[in-house]
């Protein structure tokens, strides 16, 4: 979906709130952008122009469009959780609750909880819960959400912040493929050595461990479970529960007090679990090659200036969205190392051949990569591209701090076919 249509779609779910002063919010957001050089990947000017365009076309008041724009910037700045929390607070404070649609409020509260939880900020979670119960206690869904997170905050008070310790500037390790083509590495979970983790950039929430492994290594479980559906079998339901992994060691990198999901799903992958995009992003920079995974800190300046975006789902989940062209048409795809193929929308089913242009490379994927009927692209993405993308390049480098992607081509190679 084009960017301006996303803004208009979000606008449809908002209630006009005359109390919001558009210039005040504009000035506030500009100050946030100026205050930190780390916000360079938040394209405020482009978003603002889209809002003005939508305002002119619809002849609507600015207020709901500004709220839409701010939500969009929440999504694009997902890696900067502190900024996301500030934006949400601005929306909640500027809009009286009687003019703020309850479903939107529920989503904003949940997104803020997720941002706080990712950094083990349990005191702030409890403060947020107090606010919800004072101001939104009459709404049953919001009250239930507040009670859920209060239980988590009470259990998590003694858990320290997420810590990252590095004994090496460059950590390189081999990755292998299982029988299904998934990339996996070996890591130490708590005191358990050489546990297999699938590297899944398509996993948009916190990393996931299977319950049998989590029980063996002593993951600290937090209250309550939630229901989830299998990605490969949507009709299969199972439970997920939040927990804390005391330590994750990947060679010279040690992460302490790491929030994870613990899954009751049947383990069909011969692994302890999955490490997803949010936890890779904590490490700021990662290089993929055909057979290795490399973390660098400090990281080098990128030789190319290609951007990727961090789209956020309805629940604050996060994914890597890379611009591309499909048969000459501008589009984008989600980079998903959890799959060993390509998944494209149904609109390409009638094409004899499909060609994807990305990073100066043209990749032919034939017609075998077309998705099953009913596939709905995530956000504005055309689909998913998995591990074959790694075989097309010598290196693929993701700079999470600045949302830059660098494709290093093999010498004198600008076309490759996967048929």
Protein backbone atom coordinates (compact mmCIF):
# COMPACT_ATOMS: atom_id res chain seq x y z
CA UNK A 1 0.00 0.00 0.00
CA UNK A 2 1.47 3.41 -0.95
CA UNK A 3 2.67 5.55 1.90
CA UNK A 4 -0.04 8.24 1.63
CA UNK A 5 -2.76 5.57 1.54
CA UNK A 6 -1.41 4.13 4.79
CA UNK A 7 -1.79 7.55 6.38
CA UNK A 8 -5.34 7.91 5.05
CA UNK A 9 -6.27 4.42 6.25
CA UNK A 10 -5.00 5.22 9.74
CA UNK A 11 -6.91 8.49 9.67
CA UNK A 12 -10.21 6.69 9.13
CA UNK A 13 -9.98 5.11 12.57
CA UNK A 14 -9.35 8.38 14.41
CA UNK A 15 -11.87 10.77 15.97
CA UNK A 16 -11.29 14.47 15.42
CA UNK A 17 -9.89 16.10 18.52
CA UNK A 18 -9.98 19.92 18.34
CA UNK A 19 -7.94 20.18 21.52
CA UNK A 20 -4.81 19.04 19.68
CA UNK A 21 -2.78 22.01 18.51
CA UNK A 22 -1.10 20.95 15.28
CA UNK A 23 1.67 23.58 15.47
CA UNK A 24 2.50 22.59 19.05
CA UNK A 25 2.94 18.93 18.07
CA UNK A 26 4.84 19.91 14.94
CA UNK A 27 7.27 22.03 16.99
CA UNK A 28 7.62 19.31 19.60
CA UNK A 29 8.43 16.65 17.07
CA UNK A 30 10.91 18.86 15.27
CA UNK A 31 12.67 19.44 18.61
CA UNK A 32 12.90 15.67 19.11
CA UNK A 33 14.48 15.28 15.69
CA UNK A 34 17.01 18.05 16.27
CA UNK A 35 17.87 16.79 19.74
CA UNK A 36 19.32 13.48 18.60
CA UNK A 37 21.45 12.63 15.59
CA UNK A 38 20.23 9.06 15.91
CA UNK A 39 16.87 10.07 14.42
CA UNK A 40 18.19 10.59 10.93
CA UNK A 41 16.29 7.59 9.56
CA UNK A 42 12.92 9.03 10.70
CA UNK A 43 11.82 10.83 7.56
CA UNK A 44 9.74 13.51 9.27
CA UNK A 45 9.78 15.93 6.32
CA UNK A 46 8.41 13.33 3.93
CA UNK A 47 5.72 12.29 6.41
CA UNK A 48 4.73 15.90 6.98
CA UNK A 49 4.41 16.56 3.24
CA UNK A 50 2.19 13.50 2.92
CA UNK A 51 -0.01 14.82 5.71
CA UNK A 52 -0.33 18.20 4.02
CA UNK A 53 -1.17 16.50 0.75
CA UNK A 54 -3.86 14.40 2.40
CA UNK A 55 -5.25 17.48 4.18
CA UNK A 56 -5.52 19.39 0.91
CA UNK A 57 -7.18 16.51 -0.92
CA UNK A 58 -9.66 15.70 1.82
CA UNK A 59 -10.18 19.25 3.07
CA UNK A 60 -10.10 17.82 6.58
CA UNK A 61 -8.80 19.38 9.76
CA UNK A 62 -5.14 18.78 10.48
CA UNK A 63 -5.53 17.19 13.91
CA UNK A 64 -6.40 13.57 13.07
CA UNK A 65 -3.93 13.59 10.20
CA UNK A 66 -1.20 14.76 12.54
CA UNK A 67 -2.02 11.93 14.90
CA UNK A 68 -1.78 9.52 11.97
CA UNK A 69 1.58 10.99 11.00
CA UNK A 70 2.85 10.57 14.55
CA UNK A 71 1.76 6.95 14.63
CA UNK A 72 3.57 6.42 11.35
CA UNK A 73 6.72 7.88 12.85
CA UNK A 74 6.24 5.59 15.85
CA UNK A 75 6.41 2.68 13.45
CA UNK A 76 9.41 3.95 11.52
CA UNK A 77 11.34 4.80 14.69
CA UNK A 78 10.65 1.44 16.31
CA UNK A 79 14.31 0.88 17.12
CA UNK A 80 14.27 4.02 19.25
CA UNK A 81 11.91 2.80 21.94
CA UNK A 82 12.31 5.96 24.01
CA UNK A 83 11.09 8.06 21.08
CA UNK A 84 8.17 5.72 20.49
CA UNK A 85 7.14 6.07 24.13
CA UNK A 86 7.38 9.88 23.89
CA UNK A 87 5.21 9.97 20.78
CA UNK A 88 2.58 7.74 22.38
CA UNK A 89 2.54 9.90 25.50
CA UNK A 90 2.05 13.00 23.37
CA UNK A 91 -0.95 11.46 21.62
CA UNK A 92 -2.49 10.29 24.89
CA UNK A 93 -1.88 13.59 26.68
CA UNK A 94 -3.00 15.85 23.84
CA UNK A 95 -6.21 13.96 23.10
CA UNK A 96 -8.95 13.89 25.77
CA UNK A 97 -9.98 10.30 26.38
CA UNK A 98 -13.58 10.97 25.33
CA UNK A 99 -12.24 11.87 21.87
CA UNK A 100 -9.72 9.03 21.62
CA UNK A 101 -11.13 5.88 20.07
CA UNK A 102 -10.81 2.99 22.55
CA UNK A 103 -9.29 0.57 20.06
CA UNK A 104 -6.57 3.07 19.20
CA UNK A 105 -5.90 3.74 22.89
CA UNK A 106 -5.62 -0.02 23.52
CA UNK A 107 -3.09 -0.39 20.70
CA UNK A 108 -1.05 2.60 21.90
CA UNK A 109 -0.94 1.35 25.49
CA UNK A 110 0.10 -2.10 24.33
CA UNK A 111 2.84 -0.73 22.07
CA UNK A 112 4.19 1.35 24.94
CA UNK A 113 4.14 -1.69 27.26
CA UNK A 114 6.09 -3.68 24.68
CA UNK A 115 8.71 -0.93 24.36
CA UNK A 116 9.14 -0.79 28.13
CA UNK A 117 9.21 -4.57 28.50
CA UNK A 118 11.91 -5.00 25.86
CA UNK A 119 14.21 -3.08 28.23
CA UNK A 120 12.90 -4.58 31.49
CA UNK A 121 11.53 -1.24 32.71
CA UNK A 122 9.09 -2.74 35.22
CA UNK A 123 8.80 0.36 37.39
CA UNK A 124 7.67 2.37 34.35
CA UNK A 125 5.27 -0.44 33.43
CA UNK A 126 3.69 -0.19 36.88
CA UNK A 127 3.40 3.59 36.53
CA UNK A 128 1.70 3.11 33.17
CA UNK A 129 -0.68 0.63 34.76
CA UNK A 130 -1.59 3.13 37.49
CA UNK A 131 -2.35 5.73 34.81
CA UNK A 132 -4.54 3.32 32.85
CA UNK A 133 -6.53 2.29 35.89
CA UNK A 134 -7.07 5.92 36.95
CA UNK A 135 -8.10 7.28 33.59
CA UNK A 136 -9.45 4.29 31.65
CA UNK A 137 -10.67 1.96 34.37
CA UNK A 138 -14.26 2.00 33.08
CA UNK A 139 -13.23 0.24 29.86
CA UNK A 140 -13.10 -3.51 30.42
CA UNK A 141 -10.49 -4.34 27.76
CA UNK A 142 -8.13 -1.63 28.95
CA UNK A 143 -8.67 -2.66 32.56
CA UNK A 144 -7.84 -6.29 31.72
CA UNK A 145 -4.69 -5.23 29.90
CA UNK A 146 -3.62 -3.10 32.86
CA UNK A 147 -4.14 -6.01 35.26
CA UNK A 148 -2.09 -8.32 33.01
CA UNK A 149 0.87 -5.94 32.90
CA UNK A 150 0.62 -5.17 36.62
CA UNK A 151 1.17 -8.85 37.37
CA UNK A 152 4.20 -8.86 35.08
CA UNK A 153 5.58 -5.67 36.67
CA UNK A 154 5.23 -7.08 40.18
CA UNK A 155 7.11 -10.26 39.30
CA UNK A 156 9.77 -8.40 37.31
CA UNK A 157 10.75 -5.81 39.92
CA UNK A 158 13.91 -7.69 40.88
CA UNK A 159 15.02 -8.31 37.28
CA UNK A 160 17.78 -6.00 36.13
CA UNK A 161 18.00 -4.16 32.81
CA UNK A 162 19.11 -5.82 29.61
CA UNK A 163 22.91 -5.72 29.50
CA UNK A 164 25.23 -6.33 26.55
CA UNK A 165 28.88 -7.18 27.18
CA UNK A 166 31.44 -7.63 24.40
CA UNK A 167 34.88 -9.19 24.76
CA UNK A 168 35.64 -8.84 21.03
CA UNK A 169 35.15 -6.07 18.50
CA UNK A 170 34.43 -8.61 15.76
CA UNK A 171 32.46 -11.77 16.44
CA UNK A 172 32.16 -14.15 13.50
CA UNK A 173 30.54 -17.53 13.60
CA UNK A 174 29.48 -20.09 11.07
CA UNK A 175 25.84 -20.68 10.41
CA UNK A 176 24.47 -23.89 9.01
CA UNK A 177 21.19 -24.99 7.51
CA UNK A 178 18.81 -27.56 8.90
CA UNK A 179 16.84 -30.01 6.76
CA UNK A 180 14.21 -27.31 6.06
CA UNK A 181 16.76 -24.73 4.93
CA UNK A 182 16.67 -22.57 8.07
CA UNK A 183 19.85 -20.79 9.16
CA UNK A 184 20.99 -21.66 12.66
CA UNK A 185 23.87 -20.80 14.96
CA UNK A 186 25.03 -22.35 18.21
CA UNK A 187 24.86 -20.30 21.40
CA UNK A 188 24.98 -20.79 25.17
CA UNK A 189 21.64 -20.27 26.91
CA UNK A 190 22.10 -19.70 30.64
CA UNK A 191 24.62 -22.42 31.45
CA UNK A 192 23.56 -24.76 28.64
CA UNK A 193 26.23 -24.88 25.94
CA UNK A 194 25.94 -25.27 22.18
CA UNK A 195 22.20 -24.88 21.88
CA UNK A 196 20.90 -24.43 18.36
CA UNK A 197 19.06 -21.17 17.56
CA UNK A 198 17.46 -20.44 14.19
CA UNK A 199 18.32 -16.94 12.96
CA UNK A 200 14.94 -15.65 11.83
CA UNK A 201 14.77 -12.03 10.67
CA UNK A 202 11.11 -12.68 9.88
CA UNK A 203 10.48 -13.15 13.60
CA UNK A 204 9.23 -9.70 14.48
CA UNK A 205 8.71 -10.11 18.21
CA UNK A 206 11.17 -11.03 20.94
CA UNK A 207 13.14 -14.23 20.51
CA UNK A 208 11.27 -17.48 21.09
CA UNK A 209 12.29 -20.62 23.02
CA UNK A 210 10.40 -23.89 23.06
CA UNK A 211 9.02 -24.74 26.45
CA UNK A 212 10.89 -28.03 26.92
CA UNK A 213 14.24 -26.23 26.45
CA UNK A 214 13.12 -23.25 28.52
CA UNK A 215 12.23 -25.54 31.42
CA UNK A 216 15.57 -27.35 31.17
CA UNK A 217 17.67 -24.20 31.34
CA UNK A 218 15.60 -22.35 33.95
CA UNK A 219 13.98 -19.47 32.06
CA UNK A 220 12.14 -17.25 34.58
CA UNK A 221 8.50 -17.25 33.47
CA UNK A 222 6.29 -14.21 33.95
CA UNK A 223 2.53 -14.38 34.66
CA UNK A 224 -0.18 -15.18 32.14
CA UNK A 225 -0.16 -16.77 28.70
CA UNK A 226 -1.49 -15.58 25.38
CA UNK A 227 -2.80 -17.55 22.41
CA UNK A 228 -0.93 -17.65 19.12
CA UNK A 229 -1.33 -19.30 15.72
CA UNK A 230 1.31 -21.29 13.90
CA UNK A 231 2.91 -19.40 11.02
CA UNK A 232 2.95 -22.53 8.88
CA UNK A 233 -0.36 -23.98 10.09
CA UNK A 234 -2.74 -21.06 10.87
CA UNK A 235 -5.39 -23.40 12.27
CA UNK A 236 -3.02 -24.72 14.94
CA UNK A 237 -3.27 -22.76 18.21
CA UNK A 238 -0.80 -22.81 21.10
CA UNK A 239 0.18 -20.76 24.14
CA UNK A 240 3.00 -18.22 24.46
CA UNK A 241 4.33 -16.91 27.76
CA UNK A 242 6.78 -14.11 28.49
CA UNK A 243 9.97 -15.01 30.31
CA UNK A 244 13.50 -13.82 31.11
CA UNK A 245 16.61 -15.61 29.87
CA UNK A 246 19.39 -14.85 32.36
CA UNK A 247 22.13 -15.02 29.73
CA UNK A 248 22.62 -15.55 26.03
CA UNK A 249 26.23 -15.92 24.91
CA UNK A 250 27.13 -15.79 21.23
CA UNK A 251 30.89 -16.31 21.18
CA UNK A 252 32.32 -12.96 22.41
CA UNK A 253 28.91 -11.35 23.03
CA UNK A 254 27.01 -11.81 26.29
CA UNK A 255 23.44 -10.55 26.70
CA UNK A 256 21.97 -10.64 30.22
CA UNK A 257 18.35 -10.49 31.37
CA UNK A 258 16.95 -11.00 27.89
CA UNK A 259 13.12 -10.96 27.49
CA UNK A 260 11.89 -13.94 25.45
CA UNK A 261 8.70 -15.70 24.53
CA UNK A 262 8.27 -19.31 25.67
CA UNK A 263 6.18 -21.33 23.24
CA UNK A 264 4.07 -24.45 23.71
CA UNK A 265 4.14 -25.05 19.95
CA UNK A 266 5.31 -28.50 18.88
CA UNK A 267 9.03 -28.38 18.19
CA UNK A 268 9.46 -29.53 14.60
CA UNK A 269 12.74 -27.69 14.02
CA UNK A 270 15.33 -29.60 16.07
CA UNK A 271 16.41 -26.43 17.84
CA UNK A 272 16.07 -24.63 21.17
CA UNK A 273 14.27 -21.71 19.57
CA UNK A 274 14.61 -18.64 17.36
CA UNK A 275 16.50 -15.37 17.62
CA UNK A 276 14.52 -12.60 15.93
CA UNK A 277 14.96 -9.12 14.51
CA UNK A 278 14.53 -7.12 17.78
CA UNK A 279 17.40 -8.97 19.45
CA UNK A 280 19.64 -8.79 16.39
CA UNK A 281 18.93 -5.05 16.35
CA UNK A 282 20.19 -4.75 19.95
CA UNK A 283 23.62 -5.59 18.55
CA UNK A 284 23.31 -2.71 16.06
CA UNK A 285 25.24 -4.21 13.14
CA UNK A 286 25.25 -7.64 11.52
CA UNK A 287 26.74 -9.02 8.32
CA UNK A 288 25.31 -12.05 6.56
CA UNK A 289 27.35 -14.11 4.15
CA UNK A 290 26.46 -17.41 2.58
CA UNK A 291 27.98 -19.36 5.45
CA UNK A 292 28.67 -16.94 8.32
CA UNK A 293 27.21 -14.33 10.62
CA UNK A 294 29.43 -11.43 11.71
CA UNK A 295 28.79 -8.83 14.43
CA UNK A 296 31.00 -5.72 14.56
CA UNK A 297 31.25 -3.08 17.26
CA UNK A 298 32.10 -0.36 16.60
CA UNK A 299 30.65 -0.83 13.16
CA UNK A 300 32.12 0.54 9.90
CA UNK A 301 30.62 3.37 7.93
CA UNK A 302 28.47 1.93 5.15
CA UNK A 303 29.80 2.24 1.61
CA UNK A 304 26.28 2.54 0.22
CA UNK A 305 23.41 4.71 1.39
CA UNK A 306 20.51 2.35 0.78
CA UNK A 307 17.83 2.60 3.45
CA UNK A 308 15.60 -0.03 4.90
CA UNK A 309 12.62 0.68 7.11
CA UNK A 310 11.42 -0.89 10.31
CA UNK A 311 7.73 -1.50 9.98
CA UNK A 312 5.82 -2.07 13.19
CA UNK A 313 2.83 -4.37 13.45
CA UNK A 314 -0.31 -3.75 15.45
CA UNK A 315 1.37 -5.20 18.56
CA UNK A 316 4.71 -3.44 18.22
CA UNK A 317 6.32 -6.32 16.34
CA UNK A 318 9.17 -5.36 14.05
CA UNK A 319 10.39 -6.37 10.63
CA UNK A 320 13.00 -5.42 8.04
CA UNK A 321 11.48 -3.91 4.89
CA UNK A 322 13.92 -3.41 1.97
CA UNK A 323 13.08 -1.41 -1.19
CA UNK A 324 13.29 -3.27 -4.50
CA UNK A 325 11.77 -3.46 -7.97
CA UNK A 326 9.66 -6.34 -9.24
CA UNK A 327 9.60 -6.57 -13.02
CA UNK A 328 10.57 -2.90 -13.12
CA UNK A 329 7.91 -1.69 -10.68
CA UNK A 330 8.99 -0.07 -7.40
CA UNK A 331 8.07 -2.21 -4.43
CA UNK A 332 9.61 -3.65 -1.27
CA UNK A 333 10.00 -6.96 0.52
CA UNK A 334 10.48 -8.32 4.00
CA UNK A 335 13.87 -9.93 4.54
CA UNK A 336 13.06 -13.23 6.25
CA UNK A 337 15.89 -15.69 6.92
CA UNK A 338 13.29 -18.00 8.44
CA UNK A 339 12.30 -19.11 4.96
CA UNK A 340 14.45 -20.68 2.24
CA UNK A 341 12.57 -19.21 -0.71
CA UNK A 342 10.52 -16.33 -2.06
CA UNK A 343 6.94 -15.46 -1.29
CA UNK A 344 5.30 -12.96 -3.63
CA UNK A 345 1.75 -11.66 -3.92
CA UNK A 346 -0.86 -13.42 -6.02
CA UNK A 347 -0.82 -10.63 -8.63
CA UNK A 348 2.32 -12.16 -10.14
CA UNK A 349 0.78 -15.60 -10.64
CA UNK A 350 0.10 -14.94 -14.33
CA UNK A 351 3.69 -13.88 -15.08
CA UNK A 352 5.93 -16.33 -16.90
CA UNK A 353 8.95 -14.95 -15.09
CA UNK A 354 9.49 -12.66 -12.14
CA UNK A 355 12.64 -10.57 -11.73
CA UNK A 356 13.59 -8.74 -8.56
CA UNK A 357 16.09 -5.85 -8.66
CA UNK A 358 17.84 -5.07 -5.39
CA UNK A 359 21.32 -3.85 -4.45
CA UNK A 360 22.37 -3.50 -8.10
CA UNK A 361 21.57 -7.17 -8.69
CA UNK A 362 18.81 -8.66 -10.81
CA UNK A 363 17.44 -11.88 -9.37
CA UNK A 364 15.29 -14.16 -11.48
CA UNK A 365 12.84 -16.20 -9.40
CA UNK A 366 10.77 -17.72 -12.20
CA UNK A 367 7.20 -18.61 -11.30
CA UNK A 368 7.98 -21.05 -8.49
CA UNK A 369 8.05 -18.30 -5.89
CA UNK A 370 4.46 -17.21 -6.23
CA UNK A 371 2.52 -17.37 -2.99
CA UNK A 372 -0.47 -19.50 -2.22
CA UNK A 373 -3.91 -18.03 -2.83
CA UNK A 374 -4.96 -15.49 -0.23
CA UNK A 375 -1.55 -14.22 0.79
CA UNK A 376 -1.87 -10.67 2.12
CA UNK A 377 1.34 -8.61 2.07
CA UNK A 378 2.44 -7.18 5.41
CA UNK A 379 2.05 -3.40 5.39
CA UNK A 380 3.43 -2.02 2.11
CA UNK A 381 5.62 -5.03 1.41
CA UNK A 382 5.34 -7.08 -1.74
CA UNK A 383 6.21 -10.29 0.09
CA UNK A 384 9.09 -12.17 1.66
CA UNK A 385 12.58 -13.06 0.46
CA UNK A 386 14.56 -15.59 2.45
CA UNK A 387 18.00 -17.16 2.48
CA UNK A 388 18.45 -17.21 -1.34
CA UNK A 389 19.11 -13.48 -1.06
CA UNK A 390 22.32 -14.32 0.82
CA UNK A 391 23.52 -16.49 -2.07
CA UNK A 392 23.09 -13.60 -4.52
CA UNK A 393 25.63 -11.38 -2.72
CA UNK A 394 29.05 -11.75 -1.18
CA UNK A 395 27.83 -9.91 1.93
CA UNK A 396 24.61 -8.31 3.14
CA UNK A 397 25.18 -5.81 5.96
CA UNK A 398 22.43 -4.41 8.18
CA UNK A 399 23.16 -1.26 10.20
CA UNK A 400 20.26 -1.18 12.66
CA UNK A 401 21.21 2.09 14.30
CA UNK A 402 20.84 4.10 11.09
CA UNK A 403 18.58 1.72 9.13
CA UNK A 404 21.10 1.28 6.32
CA UNK A 405 21.58 -1.83 4.22
CA UNK A 406 24.71 -2.55 2.20
CA UNK A 407 24.77 -5.16 -0.54
CA UNK A 408 28.29 -6.26 -1.52
CA UNK A 409 28.07 -7.97 -4.89
CA UNK A 410 30.27 -10.76 -6.06
CA UNK A 411 32.84 -9.58 -8.58
CA UNK A 412 31.42 -9.05 -12.08
CA UNK A 413 28.07 -10.62 -11.14
CA UNK A 414 24.89 -8.62 -11.65
CA UNK A 415 22.36 -11.36 -12.45
CA UNK A 416 21.46 -14.65 -10.80
CA UNK A 417 18.59 -17.08 -11.30
CA UNK A 418 16.75 -19.19 -8.70
CA UNK A 419 14.49 -21.50 -10.71
